[in-house]
Amino acid sequence: MPKPFEKFSPVERKEKSPENEKENEALELIKKIEEIKKRMTKEGETIEDYQKITKLLKQIELLYGKPETKKAVSWEKIEDLEKIFSKEFRKNIYYPSFSPTGDKIMVVEGDYTLKIYDLTGREMFSKEFEKPIGCLTFNPTGEEIMVKEGDKSISLYKIKGQKRE
């Protein structure tokens, strides 16, 4: 015989926020992509499968919007660029390079010091190394750098100054 209603716990009803609905919709789209990938593994790849995946990815992009990208700064638009960087450095300068977004310049001063400047000439980052450095590069966002230290080591750093693990 069923128990009286008082003893049953009330059913919890979750509020559906727009953010939760968006996330659930994106998860459903991802499940569809995974199903297509599984089928492709079993039955072989077709152009139609890739087109379906592309369409589903575009739907996810529409839900969340495109990721923000910084636009590159044209050298011609930087006033007094030569004046900013014609200052005297204490040691020889090597490997000058602009960040992908054009808003930072990275140089090696001497053999052991890495410096990054903004476009006003203000030093944003400086690091002394124990071994000679070279082969510097920014990541695509310009927020991290890769540095060759000595002959056998490459390290990644966030512009803020900490070594990335």
N, C-alpha and C. Protein backbone atom coordinates (compact mmCIF):
# COMPACT_ATOMS: atom_id res chain seq x y z
N MET A 1 0.84 -1.18 0.00
CA MET A 1 0.00 0.00 0.00
C MET A 1 0.89 1.24 0.00
N PRO A 2 0.56 2.28 -0.79
CA PRO A 2 1.41 3.47 -0.84
C PRO A 2 1.41 4.23 0.47
N LYS A 3 2.52 4.91 0.70
CA LYS A 3 2.66 5.72 1.91
C LYS A 3 1.88 7.03 1.73
N PRO A 4 1.52 7.65 2.82
CA PRO A 4 0.80 8.94 2.71
C PRO A 4 1.69 9.99 2.05
N PHE A 5 1.08 10.98 1.43
CA PHE A 5 1.81 12.02 0.69
C PHE A 5 2.75 12.84 1.57
N GLU A 6 2.42 12.98 2.83
CA GLU A 6 3.25 13.80 3.72
C GLU A 6 4.69 13.29 3.81
N LYS A 7 4.84 11.98 3.66
CA LYS A 7 6.17 11.40 3.85
C LYS A 7 7.04 11.49 2.61
N PHE A 8 6.48 11.81 1.47
CA PHE A 8 7.28 11.96 0.26
C PHE A 8 7.95 13.32 0.27
N SER A 9 9.19 13.35 -0.14
CA SER A 9 9.87 14.65 -0.21
C SER A 9 9.38 15.39 -1.45
N PRO A 10 9.28 16.70 -1.37
CA PRO A 10 8.81 17.47 -2.53
C PRO A 10 9.83 17.38 -3.67
N VAL A 11 9.33 17.39 -4.87
CA VAL A 11 10.19 17.34 -6.04
C VAL A 11 10.83 18.71 -6.22
N GLU A 12 12.16 18.69 -6.32
CA GLU A 12 12.85 19.96 -6.52
C GLU A 12 12.75 20.37 -7.98
N ARG A 13 12.43 21.61 -8.16
CA ARG A 13 12.33 22.12 -9.51
C ARG A 13 13.45 23.11 -9.73
N LYS A 14 14.30 22.80 -10.68
CA LYS A 14 15.44 23.68 -10.95
C LYS A 14 15.01 24.81 -11.86
N GLU A 15 15.45 25.99 -11.51
CA GLU A 15 15.20 27.14 -12.36
C GLU A 15 16.08 27.06 -13.59
N LYS A 16 15.52 27.32 -14.74
CA LYS A 16 16.29 27.29 -15.98
C LYS A 16 16.72 28.71 -16.33
N SER A 17 17.95 28.99 -16.07
CA SER A 17 18.46 30.30 -16.45
C SER A 17 18.87 30.26 -17.92
N PRO A 18 18.92 31.41 -18.57
CA PRO A 18 19.36 31.43 -19.97
C PRO A 18 20.75 30.83 -20.14
N GLU A 19 21.61 31.02 -19.16
CA GLU A 19 22.98 30.49 -19.23
C GLU A 19 22.96 28.96 -19.17
N ASN A 20 22.10 28.40 -18.29
CA ASN A 20 21.98 26.93 -18.20
C ASN A 20 21.42 26.35 -19.49
N GLU A 21 20.42 27.03 -20.05
CA GLU A 21 19.82 26.55 -21.29
C GLU A 21 20.84 26.57 -22.43
N LYS A 22 21.64 27.63 -22.47
CA LYS A 22 22.67 27.74 -23.50
C LYS A 22 23.69 26.62 -23.36
N GLU A 23 24.09 26.37 -22.11
CA GLU A 23 25.07 25.30 -21.85
C GLU A 23 24.51 23.94 -22.24
N ASN A 24 23.25 23.67 -21.89
CA ASN A 24 22.63 22.39 -22.25
C ASN A 24 22.53 22.24 -23.77
N GLU A 25 22.18 23.31 -24.45
CA GLU A 25 22.10 23.26 -25.91
C GLU A 25 23.47 22.97 -26.53
N ALA A 26 24.51 23.63 -26.00
CA ALA A 26 25.87 23.40 -26.49
C ALA A 26 26.30 21.95 -26.23
N LEU A 27 25.95 21.41 -25.06
CA LEU A 27 26.31 20.02 -24.75
C LEU A 27 25.61 19.04 -25.70
N GLU A 28 24.37 19.33 -26.05
CA GLU A 28 23.66 18.49 -27.02
C GLU A 28 24.35 18.54 -28.38
N LEU A 29 24.78 19.72 -28.79
CA LEU A 29 25.49 19.85 -30.07
C LEU A 29 26.80 19.08 -30.04
N ILE A 30 27.50 19.15 -28.92
CA ILE A 30 28.76 18.42 -28.77
C ILE A 30 28.51 16.90 -28.84
N LYS A 31 27.43 16.44 -28.22
CA LYS A 31 27.08 15.01 -28.30
C LYS A 31 26.88 14.59 -29.75
N LYS A 32 26.20 15.43 -30.52
CA LYS A 32 25.98 15.13 -31.93
C LYS A 32 27.31 15.03 -32.68
N ILE A 33 28.23 15.94 -32.36
CA ILE A 33 29.56 15.91 -33.00
C ILE A 33 30.27 14.61 -32.64
N GLU A 34 30.21 14.23 -31.37
CA GLU A 34 30.86 12.98 -30.93
C GLU A 34 30.25 11.77 -31.64
N GLU A 35 28.93 11.77 -31.83
CA GLU A 35 28.28 10.66 -32.54
C GLU A 35 28.78 10.58 -33.98
N ILE A 36 28.91 11.73 -34.63
CA ILE A 36 29.41 11.75 -36.00
C ILE A 36 30.84 11.22 -36.05
N LYS A 37 31.67 11.64 -35.09
CA LYS A 37 33.06 11.18 -35.05
C LYS A 37 33.14 9.66 -34.87
N LYS A 38 32.29 9.11 -33.99
CA LYS A 38 32.27 7.66 -33.78
C LYS A 38 31.89 6.94 -35.07
N ARG A 39 30.85 7.46 -35.74
CA ARG A 39 30.41 6.85 -36.99
C ARG A 39 31.50 6.93 -38.04
N MET A 40 32.22 8.07 -38.06
CA MET A 40 33.31 8.24 -39.03
C MET A 40 34.42 7.21 -38.78
N THR A 41 34.69 6.93 -37.50
CA THR A 41 35.71 5.95 -37.16
C THR A 41 35.31 4.55 -37.62
N LYS A 42 34.03 4.21 -37.44
CA LYS A 42 33.55 2.88 -37.82
C LYS A 42 33.35 2.73 -39.33
N GLU A 43 32.71 3.73 -39.94
CA GLU A 43 32.27 3.60 -41.33
C GLU A 43 33.14 4.34 -42.34
N GLY A 44 34.04 5.17 -41.85
CA GLY A 44 34.87 5.96 -42.76
C GLY A 44 34.42 7.41 -42.83
N GLU A 45 35.33 8.26 -43.21
CA GLU A 45 35.08 9.69 -43.25
C GLU A 45 34.46 10.09 -44.59
N THR A 46 33.52 11.04 -44.51
CA THR A 46 32.94 11.59 -45.74
C THR A 46 32.94 13.12 -45.64
N ILE A 47 32.85 13.74 -46.77
CA ILE A 47 32.78 15.21 -46.79
C ILE A 47 31.53 15.67 -46.05
N GLU A 48 30.43 14.94 -46.22
CA GLU A 48 29.18 15.29 -45.57
C GLU A 48 29.33 15.31 -44.04
N ASP A 49 30.09 14.34 -43.51
CA ASP A 49 30.32 14.30 -42.06
C ASP A 49 31.05 15.56 -41.60
N TYR A 50 32.10 15.95 -42.33
CA TYR A 50 32.83 17.16 -41.96
C TYR A 50 31.95 18.41 -42.09
N GLN A 51 31.09 18.42 -43.10
CA GLN A 51 30.18 19.55 -43.26
C GLN A 51 29.19 19.62 -42.09
N LYS A 52 28.70 18.46 -41.64
CA LYS A 52 27.78 18.43 -40.49
C LYS A 52 28.49 18.93 -39.23
N ILE A 53 29.72 18.47 -39.03
CA ILE A 53 30.49 18.91 -37.85
C ILE A 53 30.71 20.42 -37.91
N THR A 54 31.07 20.94 -39.07
CA THR A 54 31.28 22.38 -39.23
C THR A 54 30.01 23.15 -38.91
N LYS A 55 28.88 22.65 -39.38
CA LYS A 55 27.59 23.30 -39.13
C LYS A 55 27.28 23.32 -37.62
N LEU A 56 27.54 22.19 -36.95
CA LEU A 56 27.30 22.11 -35.50
C LEU A 56 28.23 23.05 -34.73
N LEU A 57 29.48 23.13 -35.15
CA LEU A 57 30.43 24.05 -34.50
C LEU A 57 29.99 25.50 -34.68
N LYS A 58 29.46 25.82 -35.85
CA LYS A 58 28.96 27.19 -36.07
C LYS A 58 27.77 27.49 -35.18
N GLN A 59 26.94 26.48 -34.92
CA GLN A 59 25.82 26.68 -34.01
C GLN A 59 26.31 26.97 -32.59
N ILE A 60 27.36 26.27 -32.17
CA ILE A 60 27.94 26.53 -30.85
C ILE A 60 28.52 27.94 -30.82
N GLU A 61 29.19 28.32 -31.89
CA GLU A 61 29.76 29.67 -31.97
C GLU A 61 28.65 30.73 -31.88
N LEU A 62 27.52 30.48 -32.50
CA LEU A 62 26.40 31.42 -32.42
C LEU A 62 25.88 31.54 -30.99
N LEU A 63 25.90 30.44 -30.25
CA LEU A 63 25.45 30.47 -28.86
C LEU A 63 26.34 31.36 -28.00
N TYR A 64 27.64 31.21 -28.17
CA TYR A 64 28.60 31.88 -27.29
C TYR A 64 29.26 33.10 -27.92
N GLY A 65 29.14 33.26 -29.22
CA GLY A 65 29.83 34.36 -29.89
C GLY A 65 31.25 33.97 -30.21
N LYS A 66 31.85 34.73 -31.10
CA LYS A 66 33.24 34.46 -31.47
C LYS A 66 34.16 34.94 -30.36
N PRO A 67 35.29 34.25 -30.16
CA PRO A 67 36.24 34.74 -29.15
C PRO A 67 36.81 36.08 -29.58
N GLU A 68 37.04 36.93 -28.58
CA GLU A 68 37.59 38.25 -28.88
C GLU A 68 39.02 38.13 -29.33
N THR A 69 39.35 38.85 -30.37
CA THR A 69 40.73 38.89 -30.83
C THR A 69 41.18 40.34 -30.88
N LYS A 70 42.40 40.55 -30.50
CA LYS A 70 42.94 41.90 -30.56
C LYS A 70 43.38 42.18 -31.99
N LYS A 71 43.16 43.39 -32.41
CA LYS A 71 43.58 43.77 -33.75
C LYS A 71 45.01 44.29 -33.69
N ALA A 72 45.76 43.95 -34.70
CA ALA A 72 47.16 44.37 -34.77
C ALA A 72 47.25 45.88 -34.97
N VAL A 73 48.28 46.46 -34.39
CA VAL A 73 48.53 47.88 -34.52
C VAL A 73 49.50 48.09 -35.68
N SER A 74 49.17 48.97 -36.58
CA SER A 74 50.05 49.26 -37.71
C SER A 74 51.21 50.13 -37.23
N TRP A 75 52.42 49.80 -37.67
CA TRP A 75 53.60 50.57 -37.26
C TRP A 75 53.47 52.03 -37.64
N GLU A 76 52.85 52.27 -38.78
CA GLU A 76 52.72 53.65 -39.25
C GLU A 76 51.87 54.49 -38.31
N LYS A 77 50.97 53.85 -37.58
CA LYS A 77 50.06 54.57 -36.69
C LYS A 77 50.67 54.84 -35.32
N ILE A 78 51.85 54.30 -35.06
CA ILE A 78 52.49 54.50 -33.76
C ILE A 78 53.33 55.77 -33.84
N GLU A 79 52.87 56.78 -33.13
CA GLU A 79 53.59 58.05 -33.17
C GLU A 79 54.92 57.94 -32.42
N ASP A 80 55.94 58.51 -33.01
CA ASP A 80 57.26 58.60 -32.38
C ASP A 80 57.85 57.24 -32.00
N LEU A 81 57.57 56.21 -32.78
CA LEU A 81 58.11 54.89 -32.47
C LEU A 81 59.62 54.91 -32.42
N GLU A 82 60.25 55.56 -33.40
CA GLU A 82 61.71 55.62 -33.39
C GLU A 82 62.23 56.37 -32.17
N LYS A 83 61.54 57.42 -31.81
CA LYS A 83 61.95 58.22 -30.66
C LYS A 83 61.85 57.40 -29.37
N ILE A 84 60.77 56.61 -29.27
CA ILE A 84 60.56 55.79 -28.07
C ILE A 84 61.69 54.80 -27.88
N PHE A 85 62.14 54.19 -28.99
CA PHE A 85 63.13 53.13 -28.88
C PHE A 85 64.52 53.53 -29.35
N SER A 86 64.76 54.81 -29.50
CA SER A 86 66.11 55.23 -29.85
C SER A 86 66.91 55.56 -28.60
N LYS A 87 66.39 55.21 -27.44
CA LYS A 87 67.11 55.45 -26.20
C LYS A 87 68.36 54.58 -26.14
N GLU A 88 69.26 54.94 -25.30
CA GLU A 88 70.49 54.16 -25.13
C GLU A 88 70.23 53.02 -24.16
N PHE A 89 70.51 51.81 -24.60
CA PHE A 89 70.42 50.66 -23.72
C PHE A 89 71.78 50.44 -23.09
N ARG A 90 71.81 49.77 -21.95
CA ARG A 90 73.07 49.55 -21.25
C ARG A 90 73.95 48.55 -21.99
N LYS A 91 73.33 47.61 -22.70
CA LYS A 91 74.08 46.57 -23.40
C LYS A 91 73.54 46.46 -24.83
N ASN A 92 74.21 45.67 -25.65
CA ASN A 92 73.75 45.46 -27.02
C ASN A 92 72.35 44.85 -27.02
N ILE A 93 71.57 45.19 -28.05
CA ILE A 93 70.20 44.70 -28.19
C ILE A 93 70.16 43.67 -29.31
N TYR A 94 69.46 42.55 -29.03
CA TYR A 94 69.31 41.48 -30.02
C TYR A 94 67.84 41.07 -30.13
N TYR A 95 67.49 40.48 -31.26
CA TYR A 95 66.19 39.85 -31.50
C TYR A 95 64.98 40.75 -31.21
N PRO A 96 64.95 41.99 -31.64
CA PRO A 96 63.74 42.80 -31.37
C PRO A 96 62.56 42.22 -32.15
N SER A 97 61.41 42.14 -31.49
CA SER A 97 60.23 41.64 -32.20
C SER A 97 58.95 42.22 -31.59
N PHE A 98 57.98 42.48 -32.46
CA PHE A 98 56.67 42.95 -32.03
C PHE A 98 55.81 41.76 -31.63
N SER A 99 54.91 41.98 -30.69
CA SER A 99 53.91 40.97 -30.36
C SER A 99 52.95 40.84 -31.54
N PRO A 100 52.20 39.76 -31.62
CA PRO A 100 51.27 39.60 -32.74
C PRO A 100 50.24 40.73 -32.83
N THR A 101 49.90 41.32 -31.70
CA THR A 101 48.93 42.41 -31.70
C THR A 101 49.59 43.76 -31.92
N GLY A 102 50.92 43.78 -31.94
CA GLY A 102 51.64 45.01 -32.24
C GLY A 102 51.71 46.00 -31.09
N ASP A 103 51.30 45.59 -29.89
CA ASP A 103 51.29 46.54 -28.77
C ASP A 103 52.44 46.35 -27.79
N LYS A 104 53.34 45.40 -28.08
CA LYS A 104 54.51 45.16 -27.22
C LYS A 104 55.72 44.89 -28.11
N ILE A 105 56.89 45.22 -27.58
CA ILE A 105 58.14 44.92 -28.28
C ILE A 105 59.05 44.19 -27.30
N MET A 106 59.59 43.06 -27.77
CA MET A 106 60.46 42.23 -26.93
C MET A 106 61.88 42.32 -27.48
N VAL A 107 62.85 42.45 -26.58
CA VAL A 107 64.26 42.50 -26.97
C VAL A 107 65.09 41.71 -25.96
N VAL A 108 66.27 41.28 -26.41
CA VAL A 108 67.26 40.72 -25.51
C VAL A 108 68.32 41.79 -25.34
N GLU A 109 68.59 42.14 -24.10
CA GLU A 109 69.61 43.13 -23.79
C GLU A 109 70.83 42.38 -23.26
N GLY A 110 71.96 42.49 -23.98
CA GLY A 110 73.12 41.67 -23.65
C GLY A 110 72.80 40.24 -24.04
N ASP A 111 73.31 39.29 -23.31
CA ASP A 111 73.03 37.89 -23.62
C ASP A 111 72.05 37.24 -22.64
N TYR A 112 71.80 37.90 -21.50
CA TYR A 112 71.09 37.24 -20.41
C TYR A 112 69.81 37.94 -19.96
N THR A 113 69.45 39.07 -20.53
CA THR A 113 68.30 39.84 -20.05
C THR A 113 67.23 39.97 -21.13
N LEU A 114 66.03 39.59 -20.79
CA LEU A 114 64.88 39.74 -21.68
C LEU A 114 64.05 40.92 -21.18
N LYS A 115 63.64 41.79 -22.10
CA LYS A 115 62.80 42.92 -21.72
C LYS A 115 61.66 43.05 -22.71
N ILE A 116 60.49 43.44 -22.19
CA ILE A 116 59.33 43.72 -23.03
C ILE A 116 58.85 45.12 -22.70
N TYR A 117 58.62 45.90 -23.75
CA TYR A 117 58.17 47.29 -23.60
C TYR A 117 56.81 47.47 -24.24
N ASP A 118 56.01 48.40 -23.67
CA ASP A 118 54.79 48.78 -24.38
C ASP A 118 55.16 49.87 -25.39
N LEU A 119 54.18 50.38 -26.11
CA LEU A 119 54.47 51.33 -27.18
C LEU A 119 54.77 52.74 -26.70
N THR A 120 54.72 52.95 -25.39
CA THR A 120 55.16 54.25 -24.86
C THR A 120 56.62 54.18 -24.44
N GLY A 121 57.21 52.97 -24.51
CA GLY A 121 58.59 52.79 -24.08
C GLY A 121 58.70 52.33 -22.64
N ARG A 122 57.56 52.13 -21.96
CA ARG A 122 57.55 51.69 -20.57
C ARG A 122 57.88 50.20 -20.51
N GLU A 123 58.79 49.83 -19.63
CA GLU A 123 59.16 48.43 -19.45
C GLU A 123 58.03 47.68 -18.75
N MET A 124 57.54 46.62 -19.40
CA MET A 124 56.44 45.83 -18.84
C MET A 124 56.92 44.55 -18.18
N PHE A 125 58.05 44.05 -18.64
CA PHE A 125 58.54 42.75 -18.19
C PHE A 125 60.05 42.75 -18.32
N SER A 126 60.72 42.22 -17.32
CA SER A 126 62.17 42.09 -17.38
C SER A 126 62.55 40.83 -16.62
N LYS A 127 63.47 40.07 -17.19
CA LYS A 127 63.92 38.84 -16.53
C LYS A 127 65.37 38.59 -16.86
N GLU A 128 66.14 38.32 -15.81
CA GLU A 128 67.56 37.94 -15.96
C GLU A 128 67.64 36.42 -16.00
N PHE A 129 68.44 35.90 -16.90
CA PHE A 129 68.62 34.46 -17.03
C PHE A 129 70.05 34.09 -16.66
N GLU A 130 70.24 32.83 -16.27
CA GLU A 130 71.58 32.35 -15.92
C GLU A 130 72.38 31.96 -17.15
N LYS A 131 71.67 31.57 -18.21
CA LYS A 131 72.32 31.15 -19.45
C LYS A 131 71.94 32.13 -20.56
N PRO A 132 72.75 32.20 -21.62
CA PRO A 132 72.39 33.07 -22.74
C PRO A 132 71.03 32.68 -23.32
N ILE A 133 70.26 33.68 -23.76
CA ILE A 133 68.92 33.43 -24.30
C ILE A 133 68.82 33.85 -25.76
N GLY A 134 67.86 33.30 -26.44
CA GLY A 134 67.62 33.65 -27.84
C GLY A 134 66.36 32.97 -28.33
N CYS A 135 66.12 33.05 -29.64
CA CYS A 135 64.95 32.41 -30.28
C CYS A 135 63.67 32.73 -29.52
N LEU A 136 63.40 33.99 -29.32
CA LEU A 136 62.23 34.42 -28.58
C LEU A 136 61.02 34.48 -29.48
N THR A 137 59.85 34.17 -28.91
CA THR A 137 58.63 34.32 -29.67
C THR A 137 57.45 34.54 -28.73
N PHE A 138 56.49 35.33 -29.19
CA PHE A 138 55.23 35.52 -28.47
C PHE A 138 54.27 34.41 -28.87
N ASN A 139 53.33 34.07 -27.99
CA ASN A 139 52.24 33.18 -28.41
C ASN A 139 51.27 34.02 -29.25
N PRO A 140 50.29 33.41 -29.91
CA PRO A 140 49.41 34.17 -30.80
C PRO A 140 48.63 35.31 -30.14
N THR A 141 48.38 35.24 -28.83
CA THR A 141 47.65 36.32 -28.17
C THR A 141 48.58 37.42 -27.67
N GLY A 142 49.89 37.15 -27.65
CA GLY A 142 50.84 38.14 -27.14
C GLY A 142 50.91 38.20 -25.63
N GLU A 143 50.28 37.24 -24.94
CA GLU A 143 50.26 37.24 -23.48
C GLU A 143 51.32 36.34 -22.86
N GLU A 144 51.92 35.47 -23.65
CA GLU A 144 52.97 34.58 -23.17
C GLU A 144 54.12 34.59 -24.17
N ILE A 145 55.29 34.20 -23.67
CA ILE A 145 56.48 34.15 -24.53
C ILE A 145 57.19 32.81 -24.35
N MET A 146 57.92 32.42 -25.39
CA MET A 146 58.75 31.23 -25.33
C MET A 146 60.19 31.70 -25.51
N VAL A 147 61.08 31.20 -24.67
CA VAL A 147 62.47 31.62 -24.66
C VAL A 147 63.38 30.40 -24.67
N LYS A 148 64.38 30.41 -25.54
CA LYS A 148 65.41 29.37 -25.53
C LYS A 148 66.48 29.82 -24.55
N GLU A 149 66.76 28.95 -23.56
CA GLU A 149 67.79 29.25 -22.55
C GLU A 149 68.95 28.28 -22.74
N GLY A 150 70.14 28.82 -22.96
CA GLY A 150 71.28 27.95 -23.20
C GLY A 150 71.08 27.17 -24.47
N ASP A 151 71.62 25.96 -24.52
CA ASP A 151 71.50 25.14 -25.73
C ASP A 151 70.40 24.08 -25.66
N LYS A 152 69.93 23.76 -24.45
CA LYS A 152 69.06 22.60 -24.31
C LYS A 152 67.76 22.86 -23.57
N SER A 153 67.32 24.09 -23.47
CA SER A 153 66.13 24.36 -22.67
C SER A 153 65.25 25.42 -23.32
N ILE A 154 63.94 25.18 -23.29
CA ILE A 154 62.96 26.16 -23.74
C ILE A 154 61.98 26.35 -22.60
N SER A 155 61.67 27.60 -22.27
CA SER A 155 60.72 27.89 -21.19
C SER A 155 59.63 28.81 -21.69
N LEU A 156 58.45 28.69 -21.05
CA LEU A 156 57.32 29.56 -21.35
C LEU A 156 57.07 30.47 -20.17
N TYR A 157 56.79 31.74 -20.44
CA TYR A 157 56.52 32.73 -19.40
C TYR A 157 55.29 33.52 -19.74
N LYS A 158 54.52 33.84 -18.71
CA LYS A 158 53.43 34.78 -18.88
C LYS A 158 54.04 36.18 -18.80
N ILE A 159 53.52 37.12 -19.53
CA ILE A 159 54.07 38.46 -19.55
C ILE A 159 54.07 39.06 -18.14
N LYS A 160 53.15 38.63 -17.31
CA LYS A 160 53.08 39.15 -15.93
C LYS A 160 54.34 38.81 -15.14
N GLY A 161 55.11 37.80 -15.61
CA GLY A 161 56.38 37.53 -14.96
C GLY A 161 56.57 36.14 -14.41
N GLN A 162 55.51 35.37 -14.26
CA GLN A 162 55.70 34.05 -13.70
C GLN A 162 55.95 33.01 -14.77
N LYS A 163 56.74 32.02 -14.42
CA LYS A 163 57.01 30.92 -15.33
C LYS A 163 55.78 30.04 -15.40
N ARG A 164 55.42 29.64 -16.59
CA ARG A 164 54.25 28.79 -16.76
C ARG A 164 54.63 27.36 -16.47
N GLU A 165 53.79 26.66 -15.75
CA GLU A 165 54.07 25.25 -15.40
C GLU A 165 53.65 24.34 -16.52
